[in-house]
Amino acid sequence: MKKVWIDAGHGGKDPGAVGNGLQEKVIALTVSLGVKQRLEDEYEGVQVHLSRSTDVFLELDERTDAANKAGADLLVSIHCNAGGGAGGFESFRYTNASAASRSLQNVLHTEIMAALKPFGVIDRGQKAANLHMCRESKMPAVLTENLFIDVASDAVKLKRQEVIDALIAGHVAGIAKYLGLKRKEGKPMTKERDINVVSSWAAPAWEAATKDGLFDGSRPGAPFTREEAAAVLLRMEKNILEKLKAK
């Protein structure tokens, strides 16, 4: 049984990067939970442990101590970036990383970028830095920076469920390839999204839009047609006019 440790960056009182209506801690947790679910559901002989499965704060040494104690075969710390100009995806290993960590980074980075290719995400490359999560982990360890919260073009992507799904799929594919995991019989490569369930990152906006009468509250994950967009724009115009009249 292979043990995978997934570390969702930040959490609780530490939101991480914040911008464009997004919080790093929320995206990191969403991707981490998705990676755990897909790896365990689709592959044989793997057990995924999480630093956190809810919105709680943990010190860095608590995270690496737990991973080391568990005897994990690899660690991936999941984050989003900030302050990067044009944005994009990048991955990090420790400056004096082992050959195993270098191999993990290469496979993971390649698979994530392949999954993100349809969305035009910039590849910022594989990098090395003196990061706690990579330095203090006794197993091969990589930290991923999954787009930039404060770059408008990246933020738009991070608000799309299909991009979140691609990030999850890329992490899963990279981990499975590195560990040589065998796919369970009869399991598809991807899962269809339940269009009747709202994504966690979009829940507040969906609730507000429904309350304002822009949507009827059903099928939050369904595709959006131009005729539906026209209807929503008319409803928005009506709402604005009514609010102006009320002043």
C-alpha atoms as a PDB file:
ATOM      1  CA  MET A   1       0.000   0.000   0.000  1.00  0.00           C
ATOM      2  CA  LYS A   2       1.496   3.322  -1.104  1.00  0.00           C
ATOM      3  CA  LYS A   3       1.007   6.287   1.220  1.00  0.00           C
ATOM      4  CA  VAL A   4       0.532   9.723  -0.335  1.00  0.00           C
ATOM      5  CA  TRP A   5       0.575  12.886   1.774  1.00  0.00           C
ATOM      6  CA  ILE A   6      -1.332  15.856   0.365  1.00  0.00           C
ATOM      7  CA  ASP A   7      -0.817  19.180   2.098  1.00  0.00           C
ATOM      8  CA  ALA A   8      -3.429  21.891   1.450  1.00  0.00           C
ATOM      9  CA  GLY A   9      -1.577  25.132   2.022  1.00  0.00           C
ATOM     10  CA  HIS A  10      -2.655  27.732   4.593  1.00  0.00           C
ATOM     11  CA  GLY A  11      -6.080  27.426   6.280  1.00  0.00           C
ATOM     12  CA  GLY A  12      -8.050  28.852   9.186  1.00  0.00           C
ATOM     13  CA  LYS A  13      -6.742  32.265  10.244  1.00  0.00           C
ATOM     14  CA  ASP A  14      -4.228  32.153   7.371  1.00  0.00           C
ATOM     15  CA  PRO A  15      -6.055  32.631   4.044  1.00  0.00           C
ATOM     16  CA  GLY A  16      -2.890  32.705   1.972  1.00  0.00           C
ATOM     17  CA  ALA A  17      -3.088  34.842  -1.152  1.00  0.00           C
ATOM     18  CA  VAL A  18      -6.321  36.787  -1.567  1.00  0.00           C
ATOM     19  CA  GLY A  19      -7.648  38.577  -4.631  1.00  0.00           C
ATOM     20  CA  ASN A  20     -10.353  38.744  -7.273  1.00  0.00           C
ATOM     21  CA  GLY A  21     -12.884  37.187  -4.909  1.00  0.00           C
ATOM     22  CA  LEU A  22     -10.681  34.145  -4.278  1.00  0.00           C
ATOM     23  CA  GLN A  23      -8.763  32.785  -1.293  1.00  0.00           C
ATOM     24  CA  GLU A  24      -5.749  30.518  -1.695  1.00  0.00           C
ATOM     25  CA  LYS A  25      -6.710  28.352   1.285  1.00  0.00           C
ATOM     26  CA  VAL A  26     -10.080  27.489  -0.288  1.00  0.00           C
ATOM     27  CA  ILE A  27      -8.652  26.487  -3.668  1.00  0.00           C
ATOM     28  CA  ALA A  28      -5.817  24.515  -2.076  1.00  0.00           C
ATOM     29  CA  LEU A  29      -8.285  22.531   0.026  1.00  0.00           C
ATOM     30  CA  THR A  30     -10.663  21.959  -2.883  1.00  0.00           C
ATOM     31  CA  VAL A  31      -7.861  20.573  -5.056  1.00  0.00           C
ATOM     32  CA  SER A  32      -6.452  18.477  -2.193  1.00  0.00           C
ATOM     33  CA  LEU A  33      -9.796  16.863  -1.414  1.00  0.00           C
ATOM     34  CA  GLY A  34     -10.309  16.158  -5.109  1.00  0.00           C
ATOM     35  CA  VAL A  35      -6.889  14.525  -5.431  1.00  0.00           C
ATOM     36  CA  LYS A  36      -7.567  12.256  -2.455  1.00  0.00           C
ATOM     37  CA  GLN A  37     -10.976  11.220  -3.746  1.00  0.00           C
ATOM     38  CA  ARG A  38      -9.812  10.448  -7.273  1.00  0.00           C
ATOM     39  CA  LEU A  39      -6.608   8.664  -6.336  1.00  0.00           C
ATOM     40  CA  GLU A  40      -8.319   6.343  -3.871  1.00  0.00           C
ATOM     41  CA  ASP A  41     -11.371   5.841  -6.060  1.00  0.00           C
ATOM     42  CA  GLU A  42      -9.569   5.167  -9.327  1.00  0.00           C
ATOM     43  CA  TYR A  43      -6.322   3.423  -8.339  1.00  0.00           C
ATOM     44  CA  GLU A  44      -5.385   0.275  -6.468  1.00  0.00           C
ATOM     45  CA  GLY A  45      -3.008   0.093  -3.526  1.00  0.00           C
ATOM     46  CA  VAL A  46      -2.921   3.743  -2.491  1.00  0.00           C
ATOM     47  CA  GLN A  47      -3.890   5.536   0.697  1.00  0.00           C
ATOM     48  CA  VAL A  48      -4.037   9.333   0.743  1.00  0.00           C
ATOM     49  CA  HIS A  49      -3.471  11.312   3.943  1.00  0.00           C
ATOM     50  CA  LEU A  50      -4.288  15.016   4.268  1.00  0.00           C
ATOM     51  CA  SER A  51      -2.622  17.664   6.423  1.00  0.00           C
ATOM     52  CA  ARG A  52      -6.075  19.160   6.739  1.00  0.00           C
ATOM     53  CA  SER A  53      -9.505  18.231   5.415  1.00  0.00           C
ATOM     54  CA  THR A  54     -11.268  21.327   6.761  1.00  0.00           C
ATOM     55  CA  ASP A  55     -10.576  25.041   7.122  1.00  0.00           C
ATOM     56  CA  VAL A  56      -8.140  24.871  10.048  1.00  0.00           C
ATOM     57  CA  PHE A  57      -4.766  26.470  10.728  1.00  0.00           C
ATOM     58  CA  LEU A  58      -1.653  24.319  11.085  1.00  0.00           C
ATOM     59  CA  GLU A  59       1.953  25.344  11.625  1.00  0.00           C
ATOM     60  CA  LEU A  60       4.409  24.210   8.965  1.00  0.00           C
ATOM     61  CA  ASP A  61       6.248  21.860  11.315  1.00  0.00           C
ATOM     62  CA  GLU A  62       2.951  20.228  12.306  1.00  0.00           C
ATOM     63  CA  ARG A  63       2.401  19.358   8.661  1.00  0.00           C
ATOM     64  CA  THR A  64       5.823  17.864   7.960  1.00  0.00           C
ATOM     65  CA  ASP A  65       6.030  16.121  11.345  1.00  0.00           C
ATOM     66  CA  ALA A  66       2.728  14.349  10.641  1.00  0.00           C
ATOM     67  CA  ALA A  67       3.813  13.332   7.138  1.00  0.00           C
ATOM     68  CA  ASN A  68       7.153  12.013   8.392  1.00  0.00           C
ATOM     69  CA  LYS A  69       5.513  10.103  11.239  1.00  0.00           C
ATOM     70  CA  ALA A  70       3.059   8.492   8.815  1.00  0.00           C
ATOM     71  CA  GLY A  71       5.924   7.213   6.666  1.00  0.00           C
ATOM     72  CA  ALA A  72       4.443   8.653   3.483  1.00  0.00           C
ATOM     73  CA  ASP A  73       6.001   7.649   0.158  1.00  0.00           C
ATOM     74  CA  LEU A  74       5.703  11.188  -1.195  1.00  0.00           C
ATOM     75  CA  LEU A  75       4.394  14.628  -0.252  1.00  0.00           C
ATOM     76  CA  VAL A  76       2.756  17.245  -2.436  1.00  0.00           C
ATOM     77  CA  SER A  77       1.989  20.647  -0.944  1.00  0.00           C
ATOM     78  CA  ILE A  78      -0.707  22.478  -2.899  1.00  0.00           C
ATOM     79  CA  HIS A  79      -0.801  26.277  -3.127  1.00  0.00           C
ATOM     80  CA  CYS A  80      -1.771  29.200  -5.337  1.00  0.00           C
ATOM     81  CA  ASN A  81       0.581  32.042  -6.188  1.00  0.00           C
ATOM     82  CA  ALA A  82       0.511  35.854  -6.032  1.00  0.00           C
ATOM     83  CA  GLY A  83       2.448  38.783  -7.475  1.00  0.00           C
ATOM     84  CA  GLY A  84       3.518  37.071 -10.665  1.00  0.00           C
ATOM     85  CA  GLY A  85       2.698  39.548 -13.426  1.00  0.00           C
ATOM     86  CA  ALA A  86       1.480  37.342 -16.244  1.00  0.00           C
ATOM     87  CA  GLY A  87       0.588  34.440 -13.908  1.00  0.00           C
ATOM     88  CA  GLY A  88       0.906  30.732 -14.652  1.00  0.00           C
ATOM     89  CA  PHE A  89       1.833  27.432 -13.014  1.00  0.00           C
ATOM     90  CA  GLU A  90       5.142  26.491 -11.396  1.00  0.00           C
ATOM     91  CA  SER A  91       6.464  23.777  -9.107  1.00  0.00           C
ATOM     92  CA  PHE A  92       9.195  23.713  -6.464  1.00  0.00           C
ATOM     93  CA  ARG A  93      11.592  21.191  -4.957  1.00  0.00           C
ATOM     94  CA  TYR A  94      14.165  21.804  -2.222  1.00  0.00           C
ATOM     95  CA  THR A  95      17.428  23.449  -3.310  1.00  0.00           C
ATOM     96  CA  ASN A  96      19.380  20.303  -2.381  1.00  0.00           C
ATOM     97  CA  ALA A  97      16.622  17.914  -3.384  1.00  0.00           C
ATOM     98  CA  SER A  98      17.168  14.194  -3.714  1.00  0.00           C
ATOM     99  CA  ALA A  99      17.055  12.491  -7.094  1.00  0.00           C
ATOM    100  CA  ALA A 100      13.673  11.078  -6.084  1.00  0.00           C
ATOM    101  CA  SER A 101      12.259  14.564  -5.431  1.00  0.00           C
ATOM    102  CA  ARG A 102      13.603  15.766  -8.755  1.00  0.00           C
ATOM    103  CA  SER A 103      11.951  12.828 -10.484  1.00  0.00           C
ATOM    104  CA  LEU A 104       8.651  13.469  -8.703  1.00  0.00           C
ATOM    105  CA  GLN A 105       8.747  17.138  -9.670  1.00  0.00           C
ATOM    106  CA  ASN A 106       9.456  16.340 -13.299  1.00  0.00           C
ATOM    107  CA  VAL A 107       6.602  13.850 -13.615  1.00  0.00           C
ATOM    108  CA  LEU A 108       4.121  15.914 -11.602  1.00  0.00           C
ATOM    109  CA  HIS A 109       4.897  19.183 -13.380  1.00  0.00           C
ATOM    110  CA  THR A 110       4.624  17.567 -16.799  1.00  0.00           C
ATOM    111  CA  GLU A 111       1.266  15.932 -16.076  1.00  0.00           C
ATOM    112  CA  ILE A 112      -0.246  19.071 -14.545  1.00  0.00           C
ATOM    113  CA  MET A 113       0.803  21.232 -17.474  1.00  0.00           C
ATOM    114  CA  ALA A 114      -0.607  18.642 -19.892  1.00  0.00           C
ATOM    115  CA  ALA A 115      -3.947  18.819 -18.080  1.00  0.00           C
ATOM    116  CA  LEU A 116      -3.875  22.628 -18.177  1.00  0.00           C
ATOM    117  CA  LYS A 117      -2.930  22.884 -21.856  1.00  0.00           C
ATOM    118  CA  PRO A 118      -6.519  23.441 -23.114  1.00  0.00           C
ATOM    119  CA  PHE A 119      -6.784  26.532 -20.904  1.00  0.00           C
ATOM    120  CA  GLY A 120      -3.690  28.361 -22.093  1.00  0.00           C
ATOM    121  CA  VAL A 121      -1.947  28.433 -18.703  1.00  0.00           C
ATOM    122  CA  ILE A 122       1.621  29.789 -18.754  1.00  0.00           C
ATOM    123  CA  ASP A 123       4.333  27.305 -17.764  1.00  0.00           C
ATOM    124  CA  ARG A 124       6.681  29.128 -15.361  1.00  0.00           C
ATOM    125  CA  GLY A 125       8.881  26.073 -15.054  1.00  0.00           C
ATOM    126  CA  GLN A 126      10.325  23.700 -12.478  1.00  0.00           C
ATOM    127  CA  LYS A 127      12.158  25.560  -9.731  1.00  0.00           C
ATOM    128  CA  ALA A 128      14.111  24.969  -6.530  1.00  0.00           C
ATOM    129  CA  ALA A 129      13.813  26.933  -3.284  1.00  0.00           C
ATOM    130  CA  ASN A 130      14.461  26.596   0.434  1.00  0.00           C
ATOM    131  CA  LEU A 131      10.816  25.884   1.304  1.00  0.00           C
ATOM    132  CA  HIS A 132       9.947  24.231   4.627  1.00  0.00           C
ATOM    133  CA  MET A 133       7.499  21.696   3.162  1.00  0.00           C
ATOM    134  CA  CYS A 134      10.138  20.383   0.760  1.00  0.00           C
ATOM    135  CA  ARG A 135      13.154  20.771   3.066  1.00  0.00           C
ATOM    136  CA  GLU A 136      11.766  19.101   6.200  1.00  0.00           C
ATOM    137  CA  SER A 137       9.951  16.209   4.522  1.00  0.00           C
ATOM    138  CA  LYS A 138      11.817  12.897   4.710  1.00  0.00           C
ATOM    139  CA  MET A 139      10.159  11.610   1.552  1.00  0.00           C
ATOM    140  CA  PRO A 140      10.222  12.950  -2.045  1.00  0.00           C
ATOM    141  CA  ALA A 141       8.418  16.296  -1.816  1.00  0.00           C
ATOM    142  CA  VAL A 142       7.153  18.912  -4.263  1.00  0.00           C
ATOM    143  CA  LEU A 143       5.203  22.131  -3.781  1.00  0.00           C
ATOM    144  CA  THR A 144       2.878  23.225  -6.583  1.00  0.00           C
ATOM    145  CA  GLU A 145       1.818  26.843  -7.204  1.00  0.00           C
ATOM    146  CA  ASN A 146      -1.458  26.562  -9.075  1.00  0.00           C
ATOM    147  CA  LEU A 147      -1.947  29.858 -10.904  1.00  0.00           C
ATOM    148  CA  PHE A 148      -2.008  33.373  -9.469  1.00  0.00           C
ATOM    149  CA  ILE A 149      -4.860  34.591  -7.281  1.00  0.00           C
ATOM    150  CA  ASP A 150      -4.065  38.255  -7.952  1.00  0.00           C
ATOM    151  CA  VAL A 151      -3.633  38.003 -11.728  1.00  0.00           C
ATOM    152  CA  ALA A 152      -7.015  38.666 -13.336  1.00  0.00           C
ATOM    153  CA  SER A 153      -6.603  36.206 -16.215  1.00  0.00           C
ATOM    154  CA  ASP A 154      -5.581  33.399 -13.837  1.00  0.00           C
ATOM    155  CA  ALA A 155      -8.369  34.260 -11.386  1.00  0.00           C
ATOM    156  CA  VAL A 156     -10.931  33.895 -14.174  1.00  0.00           C
ATOM    157  CA  LYS A 157      -9.534  30.425 -14.871  1.00  0.00           C
ATOM    158  CA  LEU A 158      -9.564  29.441 -11.185  1.00  0.00           C
ATOM    159  CA  LYS A 159     -13.263  30.302 -11.040  1.00  0.00           C
ATOM    160  CA  ARG A 160     -13.991  27.701 -13.728  1.00  0.00           C
ATOM    161  CA  GLN A 161     -14.792  24.217 -12.454  1.00  0.00           C
ATOM    162  CA  GLU A 162     -13.139  22.618 -15.469  1.00  0.00           C
ATOM    163  CA  VAL A 163      -9.820  24.276 -14.560  1.00  0.00           C
ATOM    164  CA  ILE A 164     -10.075  23.057 -10.965  1.00  0.00           C
ATOM    165  CA  ASP A 165     -10.855  19.603 -12.351  1.00  0.00           C
ATOM    166  CA  ALA A 166      -7.795  19.834 -14.615  1.00  0.00           C
ATOM    167  CA  LEU A 167      -5.572  20.736 -11.653  1.00  0.00           C
ATOM    168  CA  ILE A 168      -6.921  17.749  -9.753  1.00  0.00           C
ATOM    169  CA  ALA A 169      -6.500  15.452 -12.758  1.00  0.00           C
ATOM    170  CA  GLY A 170      -2.929  16.622 -13.351  1.00  0.00           C
ATOM    171  CA  HIS A 171      -1.901  16.019  -9.752  1.00  0.00           C
ATOM    172  CA  VAL A 172      -3.553  12.592  -9.767  1.00  0.00           C
ATOM    173  CA  ALA A 173      -1.926  11.570 -13.048  1.00  0.00           C
ATOM    174  CA  GLY A 174       1.514  12.725 -11.891  1.00  0.00           C
ATOM    175  CA  ILE A 175       1.333  10.940  -8.544  1.00  0.00           C
ATOM    176  CA  ALA A 176      -0.035   7.749 -10.100  1.00  0.00           C
ATOM    177  CA  LYS A 177       2.672   7.737 -12.764  1.00  0.00           C
ATOM    178  CA  TYR A 178       5.481   8.359 -10.276  1.00  0.00           C
ATOM    179  CA  LEU A 179       4.304   5.579  -7.951  1.00  0.00           C
ATOM    180  CA  GLY A 180       3.431   3.205 -10.787  1.00  0.00           C
ATOM    181  CA  LEU A 181      -0.134   2.806  -9.538  1.00  0.00           C
ATOM    182  CA  LYS A 182      -2.522   0.444 -11.316  1.00  0.00           C
ATOM    183  CA  ARG A 183      -5.920   1.766 -12.320  1.00  0.00           C
ATOM    184  CA  LYS A 184      -8.893  -0.114 -10.906  1.00  0.00           C
ATOM    185  CA  GLU A 185     -10.787  -2.187 -13.452  1.00  0.00           C
ATOM    186  CA  GLY A 186     -13.804  -0.468 -14.917  1.00  0.00           C
ATOM    187  CA  LYS A 187     -12.814   2.972 -13.643  1.00  0.00           C
ATOM    188  CA  PRO A 188     -13.036   5.767 -16.245  1.00  0.00           C
ATOM    189  CA  MET A 189     -10.188   8.226 -16.760  1.00  0.00           C
ATOM    190  CA  THR A 190     -12.347  11.136 -15.617  1.00  0.00           C
ATOM    191  CA  LYS A 191     -15.511  11.687 -13.666  1.00  0.00           C
ATOM    192  CA  GLU A 192     -18.511  13.548 -14.959  1.00  0.00           C
ATOM    193  CA  ARG A 193     -19.463  16.510 -12.841  1.00  0.00           C
ATOM    194  CA  ASP A 194     -22.848  16.528 -11.103  1.00  0.00           C
ATOM    195  CA  ILE A 195     -24.395  19.690 -12.569  1.00  0.00           C
ATOM    196  CA  ASN A 196     -26.893  19.840  -9.693  1.00  0.00           C
ATOM    197  CA  VAL A 197     -24.159  20.470  -7.102  1.00  0.00           C
ATOM    198  CA  VAL A 198     -22.638  23.940  -6.773  1.00  0.00           C
ATOM    199  CA  SER A 199     -18.844  24.184  -6.528  1.00  0.00           C
ATOM    200  CA  SER A 200     -17.581  25.226  -3.086  1.00  0.00           C
ATOM    201  CA  TRP A 201     -15.746  28.291  -4.421  1.00  0.00           C
ATOM    202  CA  ALA A 202     -18.881  29.505  -6.232  1.00  0.00           C
ATOM    203  CA  ALA A 203     -21.438  28.826  -3.488  1.00  0.00           C
ATOM    204  CA  PRO A 204     -21.672  32.396  -2.085  1.00  0.00           C
ATOM    205  CA  ALA A 205     -21.977  33.981  -5.540  1.00  0.00           C
ATOM    206  CA  TRP A 206     -24.519  31.377  -6.651  1.00  0.00           C
ATOM    207  CA  GLU A 207     -26.614  31.958  -3.527  1.00  0.00           C
ATOM    208  CA  ALA A 208     -26.567  35.737  -4.059  1.00  0.00           C
ATOM    209  CA  ALA A 209     -27.421  35.467  -7.766  1.00  0.00           C
ATOM    210  CA  THR A 210     -30.286  33.101  -7.006  1.00  0.00           C
ATOM    211  CA  LYS A 211     -31.574  35.395  -4.267  1.00  0.00           C
ATOM    212  CA  ASP A 212     -31.561  38.306  -6.742  1.00  0.00           C
ATOM    213  CA  GLY A 213     -33.616  36.250  -9.173  1.00  0.00           C
ATOM    214  CA  LEU A 214     -30.910  36.012 -11.835  1.00  0.00           C
ATOM    215  CA  PHE A 215     -31.132  32.205 -11.747  1.00  0.00           C
ATOM    216  CA  ASP A 216     -33.798  29.803 -10.516  1.00  0.00           C
ATOM    217  CA  GLY A 217     -31.347  27.927  -8.283  1.00  0.00           C
ATOM    218  CA  SER A 218     -31.290  24.712 -10.327  1.00  0.00           C
ATOM    219  CA  ARG A 219     -28.421  23.086 -12.267  1.00  0.00           C
ATOM    220  CA  PRO A 220     -25.574  25.350 -11.054  1.00  0.00           C
ATOM    221  CA  GLY A 221     -22.976  23.344 -12.965  1.00  0.00           C
ATOM    222  CA  ALA A 222     -24.769  23.297 -16.317  1.00  0.00           C
ATOM    223  CA  PRO A 223     -23.236  24.962 -19.417  1.00  0.00           C
ATOM    224  CA  PHE A 224     -24.347  28.569 -20.073  1.00  0.00           C
ATOM    225  CA  THR A 225     -25.806  29.429 -23.498  1.00  0.00           C
ATOM    226  CA  ARG A 226     -25.946  32.851 -25.140  1.00  0.00           C
ATOM    227  CA  GLU A 227     -29.730  32.894 -24.927  1.00  0.00           C
ATOM    228  CA  GLU A 228     -29.509  32.223 -21.185  1.00  0.00           C
ATOM    229  CA  ALA A 229     -26.937  35.010 -20.903  1.00  0.00           C
ATOM    230  CA  ALA A 230     -29.362  37.373 -22.634  1.00  0.00           C
ATOM    231  CA  ALA A 231     -32.098  36.458 -20.136  1.00  0.00           C
ATOM    232  CA  VAL A 232     -29.781  37.021 -17.171  1.00  0.00           C
ATOM    233  CA  LEU A 233     -28.644  40.404 -18.526  1.00  0.00           C
ATOM    234  CA  LEU A 234     -32.260  41.533 -18.872  1.00  0.00           C
ATOM    235  CA  ARG A 235     -32.984  40.443 -15.299  1.00  0.00           C
ATOM    236  CA  MET A 236     -29.909  42.340 -14.092  1.00  0.00           C
ATOM    237  CA  GLU A 237     -31.049  45.458 -15.951  1.00  0.00           C
ATOM    238  CA  LYS A 238     -34.503  45.164 -14.402  1.00  0.00           C
ATOM    239  CA  ASN A 239     -33.035  44.740 -10.905  1.00  0.00           C
ATOM    240  CA  ILE A 240     -30.798  47.803 -11.336  1.00  0.00           C
ATOM    241  CA  LEU A 241     -33.681  49.963 -12.574  1.00  0.00           C
ATOM    242  CA  GLU A 242     -35.874  48.871  -9.667  1.00  0.00           C
ATOM    243  CA  LYS A 243     -33.156  49.731  -7.170  1.00  0.00           C
ATOM    244  CA  LEU A 244     -32.638  53.152  -8.755  1.00  0.00           C
ATOM    245  CA  LYS A 245     -36.371  53.889  -8.594  1.00  0.00           C
ATOM    246  CA  ALA A 246     -36.441  52.895  -4.952  1.00  0.00           C
ATOM    247  CA  LYS A 247     -33.834  55.535  -4.027  1.00  0.00           C
END
